[in-house]
Amino acid sequence: MANINVRIDSNIKENAEAVFASLGITPTAAISLFYNQVIRTNSIPFELKADIPNEKTLSAIDEVEEMEKNKEKYKGYKNIDGLLDDITPICSSNNK
């Protein structure tokens, strides 16, 4: 037998252990299952992928990049008061 010492966020530990308990297994059994699957599949036994922004997020990123490239086309604000002065009439008309 071997020991493994792992540091993990306490919330992750608590939430995972609640799932293990609901499945009737111990954290040790869960880790053993994980290791056995790694050996059996010769891989990480679940899909690993980077977070890829969705279309709405990609569109927002494009919009910000456009604004950065063409700052002269867009109004900027030095403080919140100026922004609020400009958007208050718009917000008021939308609430009617």
Foldseek 3Di string as FASTA:
>chain_A
DDDDDDDDDPVVVVVVQVVCVVVVHGPVVVVVVQVVVCVVVVHRPDDDDDDDDDPVVVVVVVVVVVCVVCVVVDDDDPDVVVVCVVCVVVVVVVVD
